[in-house]
Amino acid sequence: KFAEIREIYFGETMKSELDDLSFFARYVEHFYRRSSISKERDELWLVFVEEGVSLQKYIYSESVAENYTIREKNRDWKNLRRSKSGLSVLRNLIGQLIQGVAILHQNHIIHRDLKPSNLLIKQMQESSFENLTLKICDFSSALSKEAIRVGLYGFDGPTRKELSLEY
């Protein structure tokens, strides 16, 4: 529950206080809807601008064999890492990530859960790795003094239990 509320809090905060949102998934709004599973509880829905596909989907290819999901490095991603032009693309993505994190830190926000699945990539041209844009998303584990002050971490404060451990 707190994670969802933090996502709303940081979405609203960033929308109203940050001058440059170009490195972040842009929060639009939230609403509650009656759950189709549990009739007693409303579901919270978060609305964001469509900003791209998770970097994890670019890095890994998944296939299913029997009851297992096999994840292996994507062939195109491997080739990108090995070519000179690919290194330029990767430098650009890392530069965008560093700029985004710098803006967060300048505004006293710590993301705490940066990983490929929380980085969105958008291709500007179909079938080309040139001109990729990177957006940081998922602020449900994020931390700021103000978020702590208003109680967005419960009585225990921020803990390691809230962090993703699936790396």
Protein backbone atom coordinates (compact mmCIF):
# COMPACT_ATOMS: atom_id res chain seq x y z
CA LYS A 1 0.00 0.00 0.00
CA PHE A 2 2.74 2.49 0.91
CA ALA A 3 4.59 1.73 -2.36
CA GLU A 4 1.54 2.79 -4.40
CA ILE A 5 1.10 5.96 -2.36
CA ARG A 6 4.81 6.80 -2.80
CA GLU A 7 4.46 6.35 -6.56
CA ILE A 8 1.64 8.93 -6.54
CA TYR A 9 3.54 11.24 -4.17
CA PHE A 10 6.73 11.29 -6.26
CA GLY A 11 4.75 11.53 -9.50
CA GLU A 12 2.89 14.60 -8.22
CA THR A 13 6.03 16.10 -6.65
CA MET A 14 8.11 15.72 -9.78
CA LYS A 15 5.32 17.05 -11.99
CA SER A 16 4.96 20.20 -9.90
CA GLU A 17 8.54 20.85 -8.75
CA LEU A 18 10.99 19.62 -11.40
CA ASP A 19 11.78 21.83 -14.36
CA ASP A 20 13.12 19.01 -16.50
CA LEU A 21 11.02 15.82 -16.69
CA SER A 22 12.69 14.53 -19.86
CA PHE A 23 14.48 11.70 -18.00
CA PHE A 24 11.45 10.36 -16.11
CA ALA A 25 8.27 8.44 -16.86
CA ARG A 26 5.61 11.14 -16.61
CA TYR A 27 2.86 10.55 -14.07
CA VAL A 28 -0.58 11.73 -15.24
CA GLU A 29 -3.10 10.75 -12.58
CA HIS A 30 -4.49 7.97 -10.43
CA PHE A 31 -7.95 6.64 -9.72
CA TYR A 32 -9.64 3.84 -7.80
CA ARG A 33 -11.78 1.19 -9.42
CA ARG A 34 -13.80 -1.64 -7.94
CA SER A 35 -11.66 -4.77 -8.04
CA SER A 36 -12.84 -7.61 -10.25
CA ILE A 37 -11.10 -10.08 -7.92
CA SER A 38 -11.91 -8.71 -4.48
CA LYS A 39 -15.30 -7.00 -4.26
CA GLU A 40 -14.44 -5.51 -0.84
CA ARG A 41 -11.41 -3.56 -2.02
CA ASP A 42 -10.91 -0.92 -4.68
CA GLU A 43 -7.88 -1.21 -6.94
CA LEU A 44 -5.57 1.75 -7.35
CA TRP A 45 -4.76 2.52 -10.99
CA LEU A 46 -1.80 4.73 -11.89
CA VAL A 47 -1.71 6.48 -15.27
CA PHE A 48 1.57 7.42 -16.96
CA VAL A 49 2.47 8.73 -20.39
CA GLU A 50 3.62 5.85 -22.62
CA GLU A 51 7.39 6.31 -22.54
CA GLY A 52 8.81 3.14 -24.09
CA VAL A 53 9.74 -0.44 -23.26
CA SER A 54 11.70 -1.73 -20.29
CA LEU A 55 15.44 -1.99 -20.93
CA GLN A 56 15.20 -5.53 -19.60
CA LYS A 57 13.23 -6.50 -22.73
CA TYR A 58 16.07 -5.19 -24.91
CA ILE A 59 18.78 -7.00 -22.95
CA TYR A 60 17.09 -10.40 -22.59
CA SER A 61 15.06 -12.65 -24.84
CA GLU A 62 12.64 -15.01 -23.16
CA SER A 63 11.41 -18.34 -24.35
CA VAL A 64 9.28 -20.95 -22.63
CA ALA A 65 10.23 -24.60 -22.55
CA GLU A 66 7.94 -26.98 -20.71
CA ASN A 67 7.28 -25.21 -17.38
CA TYR A 68 10.38 -23.00 -17.45
CA THR A 69 11.09 -19.55 -18.74
CA ILE A 70 14.53 -19.32 -20.29
CA ARG A 71 16.09 -15.88 -20.30
CA GLU A 72 19.19 -15.28 -22.39
CA LYS A 73 21.03 -12.24 -23.67
CA ASN A 74 19.36 -10.81 -26.74
CA ARG A 75 21.48 -11.26 -29.89
CA ASP A 76 20.91 -7.65 -31.05
CA TRP A 77 21.94 -6.35 -27.62
CA LYS A 78 25.14 -8.45 -27.75
CA ASN A 79 25.96 -7.06 -31.19
CA LEU A 80 25.28 -3.52 -29.99
CA ARG A 81 27.75 -3.95 -27.15
CA ARG A 82 30.45 -5.21 -29.52
CA SER A 83 30.30 -2.57 -32.26
CA LYS A 84 31.83 0.92 -32.27
CA SER A 85 28.51 2.54 -33.14
CA GLY A 86 26.89 0.46 -30.42
CA LEU A 87 29.32 1.77 -27.82
CA SER A 88 28.25 5.28 -28.78
CA VAL A 89 24.59 4.32 -28.24
CA LEU A 90 25.41 2.81 -24.84
CA ARG A 91 27.38 5.91 -23.80
CA ASN A 92 24.39 8.02 -24.75
CA LEU A 93 22.03 5.86 -22.63
CA ILE A 94 24.40 5.93 -19.66
CA GLY A 95 24.70 9.70 -20.04
CA GLN A 96 20.92 10.06 -19.95
CA LEU A 97 20.76 7.85 -16.85
CA ILE A 98 23.42 9.91 -15.07
CA GLN A 99 21.65 13.16 -15.97
CA GLY A 100 18.35 11.81 -14.63
CA VAL A 101 19.91 10.60 -11.38
CA ALA A 102 21.70 13.95 -10.98
CA ILE A 103 18.38 15.81 -11.30
CA LEU A 104 16.83 13.52 -8.68
CA HIS A 105 19.72 14.04 -6.29
CA GLN A 106 19.68 17.82 -6.83
CA ASN A 107 16.06 17.66 -5.71
CA HIS A 108 16.91 15.45 -2.71
CA ILE A 109 15.24 12.32 -4.13
CA ILE A 110 16.94 8.92 -4.03
CA HIS A 111 15.46 6.31 -6.38
CA ARG A 112 16.80 3.20 -4.52
CA ASP A 113 15.72 0.70 -7.20
CA LEU A 114 17.55 1.43 -10.45
CA LYS A 115 17.68 -1.70 -12.60
CA PRO A 116 16.94 -2.56 -16.25
CA SER A 117 13.22 -3.16 -15.61
CA ASN A 118 12.90 0.37 -14.15
CA LEU A 119 14.52 2.05 -17.14
CA LEU A 120 12.32 2.64 -20.18
CA ILE A 121 13.81 2.87 -23.67
CA LYS A 122 12.08 4.43 -26.64
CA GLN A 123 13.28 3.95 -30.19
CA MET A 124 12.77 7.03 -32.31
CA GLN A 125 13.22 5.03 -35.54
CA GLU A 126 11.86 1.55 -36.10
CA SER A 127 14.58 -1.15 -36.25
CA SER A 128 17.36 1.28 -35.28
CA PHE A 129 19.24 1.64 -32.04
CA GLU A 130 20.18 5.21 -32.93
CA ASN A 131 18.47 8.07 -31.06
CA LEU A 132 17.22 6.04 -28.11
CA THR A 133 15.75 7.92 -25.18
CA LEU A 134 15.90 6.64 -21.62
CA LYS A 135 13.35 7.32 -18.87
CA ILE A 136 13.58 6.37 -15.21
CA CYS A 137 10.38 4.87 -13.80
CA ASP A 138 8.99 3.16 -10.68
CA PHE A 139 9.45 5.47 -7.73
CA SER A 140 7.69 3.16 -5.28
CA SER A 141 10.95 2.62 -3.34
CA ALA A 142 12.16 6.22 -3.67
CA LEU A 143 13.21 8.22 -0.66
CA SER A 144 13.19 11.89 0.33
CA LYS A 145 13.19 13.75 3.63
CA GLU A 146 9.74 15.16 2.90
CA ALA A 147 8.31 11.72 2.08
CA ILE A 148 9.62 10.43 5.40
CA ARG A 149 8.22 13.47 7.22
CA VAL A 150 4.71 12.93 5.84
CA GLY A 151 4.78 9.22 6.80
CA LEU A 152 5.04 7.44 3.44
CA TYR A 153 7.11 4.62 4.94
CA GLY A 154 4.92 3.59 7.86
CA PHE A 155 6.10 3.46 11.45
CA ASP A 156 9.38 1.67 10.71
CA GLY A 157 10.58 4.17 8.13
CA PRO A 158 12.24 3.01 4.90
CA THR A 159 13.54 -0.55 5.12
CA ARG A 160 15.39 -3.01 2.90
CA LYS A 161 12.20 -5.11 2.77
CA GLU A 162 10.75 -2.62 0.30
CA LEU A 163 13.60 -2.93 -2.20
CA SER A 164 13.51 -5.24 -5.19
CA LEU A 165 15.91 -8.11 -4.85
CA GLU A 166 15.29 -9.62 -8.29
CA TYR A 167 18.47 -8.67 -10.14
